C-alpha atoms as a PDB file:
ATOM      1  CA  MET A   1     -42.552 -20.032  -3.166  1.00  0.00           C
ATOM      2  CA  SER A   2     -39.645 -17.877  -2.019  1.00  0.00           C
ATOM      3  CA  ALA A   3     -38.366 -14.814  -3.847  1.00  0.00           C
ATOM      4  CA  ARG A   4     -34.858 -15.250  -5.130  1.00  0.00           C
ATOM      5  CA  SER A   5     -32.340 -12.559  -5.745  1.00  0.00           C
ATOM      6  CA  PRO A   6     -31.192 -12.435  -9.403  1.00  0.00           C
ATOM      7  CA  LEU A   7     -27.539 -12.640  -8.324  1.00  0.00           C
ATOM      8  CA  PRO A   8     -26.067 -15.075  -5.856  1.00  0.00           C
ATOM      9  CA  SER A   9     -24.951 -13.373  -2.661  1.00  0.00           C
ATOM     10  CA  SER A  10     -21.288 -13.891  -3.578  1.00  0.00           C
ATOM     11  CA  ALA A  11     -21.749 -12.044  -6.902  1.00  0.00           C
ATOM     12  CA  ALA A  12     -23.611  -9.062  -5.419  1.00  0.00           C
ATOM     13  CA  PRO A  13     -21.260  -6.089  -5.077  1.00  0.00           C
ATOM     14  CA  THR A  14     -20.550  -5.051  -1.524  1.00  0.00           C
ATOM     15  CA  PRO A  15     -19.965  -1.422  -0.599  1.00  0.00           C
ATOM     16  CA  ALA A  16     -16.384  -2.219   0.465  1.00  0.00           C
ATOM     17  CA  GLY A  17     -15.806  -4.173  -2.751  1.00  0.00           C
ATOM     18  CA  ALA A  18     -17.231  -1.351  -4.853  1.00  0.00           C
ATOM     19  CA  LEU A  19     -15.038   1.120  -2.990  1.00  0.00           C
ATOM     20  CA  ARG A  20     -11.962  -1.015  -3.530  1.00  0.00           C
ATOM     21  CA  ALA A  21     -12.781  -1.387  -7.217  1.00  0.00           C
ATOM     22  CA  GLY A  22     -12.660   2.411  -7.611  1.00  0.00           C
ATOM     23  CA  PHE A  23      -9.165   2.745  -6.133  1.00  0.00           C
ATOM     24  CA  LEU A  24      -5.806   1.141  -6.893  1.00  0.00           C
ATOM     25  CA  ASN A  25      -2.807   0.923  -4.610  1.00  0.00           C
ATOM     26  CA  VAL A  26       0.668   1.306  -6.126  1.00  0.00           C
ATOM     27  CA  LYS A  27       1.084  -2.418  -6.774  1.00  0.00           C
ATOM     28  CA  ASP A  28      -2.324  -2.737  -8.461  1.00  0.00           C
ATOM     29  CA  ALA A  29      -1.887   0.481 -10.467  1.00  0.00           C
ATOM     30  CA  ALA A  30       1.515  -0.692 -11.668  1.00  0.00           C
ATOM     31  CA  GLU A  31       0.059  -4.032 -12.732  1.00  0.00           C
ATOM     32  CA  TYR A  32      -2.880  -2.272 -14.421  1.00  0.00           C
ATOM     33  CA  LEU A  33      -0.467  -0.053 -16.404  1.00  0.00           C
ATOM     34  CA  GLY A  34       2.085  -2.786 -17.089  1.00  0.00           C
ATOM     35  CA  LEU A  35       4.813  -0.957 -15.159  1.00  0.00           C
ATOM     36  CA  SER A  36       6.871  -1.631 -12.072  1.00  0.00           C
ATOM     37  CA  PRO A  37       5.812  -0.098  -8.757  1.00  0.00           C
ATOM     38  CA  HIS A  38       9.216   1.607  -8.658  1.00  0.00           C
ATOM     39  CA  THR A  39       8.384   3.468 -11.882  1.00  0.00           C
ATOM     40  CA  LEU A  40       5.185   4.806 -10.331  1.00  0.00           C
ATOM     41  CA  TYR A  41       7.065   5.941  -7.218  1.00  0.00           C
ATOM     42  CA  VAL A  42       9.632   7.754  -9.399  1.00  0.00           C
ATOM     43  CA  TRP A  43       6.883   9.362 -11.495  1.00  0.00           C
ATOM     44  CA  ARG A  44       5.088  10.461  -8.323  1.00  0.00           C
ATOM     45  CA  HIS A  45       8.296  12.034  -7.012  1.00  0.00           C
ATOM     46  CA  ARG A  46       8.767  13.866 -10.345  1.00  0.00           C
ATOM     47  CA  ARG A  47       5.052  14.810 -10.467  1.00  0.00           C
ATOM     48  CA  GLN A  48       4.563  12.764 -13.630  1.00  0.00           C
ATOM     49  CA  GLY A  49       2.208   9.950 -14.494  1.00  0.00           C
ATOM     50  CA  PRO A  50      -1.366   9.471 -13.368  1.00  0.00           C
ATOM     51  CA  PRO A  51      -2.583  11.588 -10.446  1.00  0.00           C
ATOM     52  CA  SER A  52      -2.202   9.962  -7.043  1.00  0.00           C
ATOM     53  CA  PHE A  53      -2.912  10.859  -3.442  1.00  0.00           C
ATOM     54  CA  ARG A  54      -2.369   9.584   0.084  1.00  0.00           C
ATOM     55  CA  MET A  55      -5.307   7.915   1.800  1.00  0.00           C
ATOM     56  CA  GLY A  56      -5.940   6.660   5.292  1.00  0.00           C
ATOM     57  CA  PRO A  57      -4.084   6.912   8.570  1.00  0.00           C
ATOM     58  CA  ARG A  58      -1.036   5.143   7.130  1.00  0.00           C
ATOM     59  CA  GLY A  59      -0.873   7.524   4.189  1.00  0.00           C
ATOM     60  CA  ARG A  60      -0.895   4.865   1.496  1.00  0.00           C
ATOM     61  CA  VAL A  61      -0.422   6.118  -2.045  1.00  0.00           C
ATOM     62  CA  MET A  62      -3.578   5.454  -4.038  1.00  0.00           C
ATOM     63  CA  TYR A  63      -4.878   6.048  -7.559  1.00  0.00           C
ATOM     64  CA  ARG A  64      -8.480   6.479  -8.673  1.00  0.00           C
ATOM     65  CA  ARG A  65      -9.130   3.968 -11.431  1.00  0.00           C
ATOM     66  CA  GLU A  66     -11.072   6.566 -13.451  1.00  0.00           C
ATOM     67  CA  ALA A  67      -8.154   9.043 -13.148  1.00  0.00           C
ATOM     68  CA  VAL A  68      -5.716   6.391 -14.377  1.00  0.00           C
ATOM     69  CA  ASP A  69      -8.006   5.638 -17.337  1.00  0.00           C
ATOM     70  CA  ALA A  70      -8.274   9.380 -18.126  1.00  0.00           C
ATOM     71  CA  TRP A  71      -4.478   9.690 -17.943  1.00  0.00           C
ATOM     72  CA  ILE A  72      -4.135   6.778 -20.389  1.00  0.00           C
ATOM     73  CA  ARG A  73      -6.530   8.531 -22.814  1.00  0.00           C
ATOM     74  CA  GLU A  74      -4.453  11.735 -22.524  1.00  0.00           C
ATOM     75  CA  GLN A  75      -1.313   9.768 -23.364  1.00  0.00           C
ATOM     76  CA  GLU A  76      -3.011   8.292 -26.428  1.00  0.00           C
ATOM     77  CA  GLN A  77      -4.099  11.730 -27.631  1.00  0.00           C
ATOM     78  CA  ALA A  78      -0.613  13.203 -27.111  1.00  0.00           C
ATOM     79  CA  ASP A  79       1.014  10.473 -29.234  1.00  0.00           C
ATOM     80  CA  SER A  80       1.059  11.280 -32.949  1.00  0.00           C
ATOM     81  CA  ARG A  81       0.819   7.585 -33.818  1.00  0.00           C
ATOM     82  CA  ALA A  82      -2.545   7.343 -32.051  1.00  0.00           C
ATOM     83  CA  ASN A  83      -3.836  10.814 -32.959  1.00  0.00           C
ATOM     84  CA  ALA A  84      -4.115  11.403 -36.714  1.00  0.00           C
ATOM     85  CA  SER A  85      -4.327  15.186 -36.273  1.00  0.00           C
ATOM     86  CA  LEU A  86      -0.801  15.200 -34.784  1.00  0.00           C
ATOM     87  CA  SER A  87       0.733  12.907 -37.395  1.00  0.00           C
ATOM     88  CA  PRO A  88       3.383  14.609 -39.531  1.00  0.00           C
ATOM     89  CA  LEU A  89       2.569  12.180 -42.341  1.00  0.00           C
ATOM     90  CA  GLY A  90      -0.767  13.851 -42.994  1.00  0.00           C
ATOM     91  CA  ALA A  91       0.597  17.405 -43.048  1.00  0.00           C
ATOM     92  CA  ASN A  92       1.117  19.323 -46.271  1.00  0.00           C
ATOM     93  CA  SER A  93       4.727  19.492 -47.361  1.00  0.00           C
ATOM     94  CA  GLN A  94       6.447  22.802 -46.743  1.00  0.00           C
ATOM     95  CA  GLN A  95       8.853  24.546 -49.099  1.00  0.00           C
ATOM     96  CA  ARG A  96      12.267  25.483 -47.758  1.00  0.00           C
ATOM     97  CA  ALA A  97      13.211  29.109 -47.939  1.00  0.00           C
ATOM     98  CA  SER A  98      16.009  29.826 -50.368  1.00  0.00           C
ATOM     99  CA  ARG A  99      19.412  30.398 -48.804  1.00  0.00           C
ATOM    100  CA  LEU A 100      20.599  32.567 -51.641  1.00  0.00           C
ATOM    101  CA  PRO A 101      20.635  36.265 -50.798  1.00  0.00           C
ATOM    102  CA  ASN A 102      18.520  38.510 -52.963  1.00  0.00           C
ATOM    103  CA  ALA A 103      20.747  40.484 -55.323  1.00  0.00           C
END
């Protein structure tokens, strides 16, 4: 009786595959965010969008998947439609100051 691994060898994560899963190149990050790669390049130039860095001898622009996910959560929290505490609909109404001068 031979011992079998619970996962077939093709389903077992490889170190290179696990490493690749943690990083996204510009094309993959754009697809993940539903944007064009050009938009990510423009955002990078303007220092906007998810944090990116250059990796490897060719200096490829890369994104950490966890940093992209954190950036998405920040965007959700900054949007009043997704964050009830920022919604103007829940705020108490304010009285306008009278424009008439005091006599």
